[in-house]
Amino acid sequence: MDTCPFDLETYLNRINFGGSTDVCPDTLTRLHHAHFYTFPFENFDVLLGRGISLDPQVVFNKLVLKKRGGYCFELNGQ
C-alpha cells in the first residue's frame, strides 16, 4: 500500500497544539479539540465545480499547508 509522508510537526503547528504527545486519553482529547477548532467546514471547491480529492497528500496540502478548511469528507476521512 502506498503511503504519503505525514509531517506531524507541521500539522501540530497548524492546529496550535503544544505540550505532551504521550499516547493517552488526555492527549487524544486535546488533539481532537485543536483539530476541530482549527479546520472549518468549507465547500468552495465544490461550489466552484473544482471537485474534491480524498488523496491524503492533497488533503494535507489543502488543510495544513494552504491553511484552508475542508469539505466533510476531507475533514472526517480515514
Protein backbone atom coordinates (compact mmCIF):
# COMPACT_ATOMS: atom_id res chain seq x y z
CA MET A 1 0.00 0.00 0.00
CA ASP A 2 1.26 3.48 -0.87
CA THR A 3 1.50 5.95 1.96
CA CYS A 4 2.07 9.65 1.83
CA PRO A 5 4.50 11.37 4.13
CA PHE A 6 2.71 13.00 7.05
CA ASP A 7 4.60 15.88 8.59
CA LEU A 8 3.45 15.64 12.20
CA GLU A 9 5.33 18.74 13.36
CA THR A 10 3.77 20.90 10.63
CA TYR A 11 0.30 19.52 11.46
CA LEU A 12 0.73 20.16 15.19
CA ASN A 13 1.91 23.71 14.48
CA ARG A 14 -1.08 24.29 12.19
CA ILE A 15 -3.54 23.28 14.92
CA ASN A 16 -1.60 25.21 17.58
CA PHE A 17 -1.04 22.05 19.59
CA GLY A 18 1.54 22.28 22.34
CA GLY A 19 2.59 20.10 25.18
CA SER A 20 2.94 16.39 25.52
CA THR A 21 2.09 13.99 22.72
CA ASP A 22 2.06 10.96 25.01
CA VAL A 23 -0.42 8.32 23.93
CA CYS A 24 -3.25 8.70 26.42
CA PRO A 25 -6.90 9.78 26.55
CA ASP A 26 -5.99 13.34 27.60
CA THR A 27 -3.74 13.82 24.55
CA LEU A 28 -6.41 12.43 22.24
CA THR A 29 -8.99 14.82 23.70
CA ARG A 30 -6.67 17.82 23.30
CA LEU A 31 -5.77 16.81 19.73
CA HIS A 32 -9.42 16.37 18.82
CA HIS A 33 -10.35 19.80 20.18
CA ALA A 34 -7.40 21.52 18.49
CA HIS A 35 -8.20 19.87 15.14
CA PHE A 36 -11.94 20.60 15.40
CA TYR A 37 -11.47 24.27 16.23
CA THR A 38 -8.78 24.84 13.56
CA PHE A 39 -10.38 23.45 10.41
CA PRO A 40 -13.71 24.99 9.40
CA PHE A 41 -16.19 23.39 7.05
CA GLU A 42 -15.57 24.81 3.58
CA ASN A 43 -17.24 23.81 0.33
CA PHE A 44 -15.84 26.46 -2.03
CA ASP A 45 -14.19 23.91 -4.33
CA VAL A 46 -17.46 22.02 -4.74
CA LEU A 47 -19.44 25.22 -5.38
CA LEU A 48 -16.86 26.35 -7.94
CA GLY A 49 -17.03 22.99 -9.74
CA ARG A 50 -13.46 22.01 -8.86
CA GLY A 51 -14.44 18.83 -7.07
CA ILE A 52 -12.53 17.39 -4.17
CA SER A 53 -9.81 14.83 -3.77
CA LEU A 54 -9.59 12.45 -0.84
CA ASP A 55 -5.96 11.66 -1.60
CA PRO A 56 -4.21 12.05 1.78
CA GLN A 57 -1.42 14.24 0.39
CA VAL A 58 -3.88 16.55 -1.38
CA VAL A 59 -5.95 16.89 1.79
CA PHE A 60 -2.82 17.56 3.89
CA ASN A 61 -1.66 20.23 1.44
CA LYS A 62 -5.07 21.92 1.41
CA LEU A 63 -5.76 21.87 5.15
CA VAL A 64 -2.29 22.20 6.62
CA LEU A 65 -0.05 23.88 4.07
CA LYS A 66 -2.61 26.14 2.34
CA LYS A 67 -4.40 26.79 5.66
CA ARG A 68 -7.86 26.24 4.26
CA GLY A 69 -10.91 24.48 5.61
CA GLY A 70 -12.34 21.35 4.12
CA TYR A 71 -15.42 19.55 2.90
CA CYS A 72 -16.99 16.99 5.23
CA PHE A 73 -15.13 14.03 3.71
CA GLU A 74 -11.83 15.89 3.80
CA LEU A 75 -12.24 16.74 7.49
CA ASN A 76 -13.50 13.36 8.66
CA GLY A 77 -11.82 10.87 6.37
CA GLN A 78 -9.88 7.74 7.11
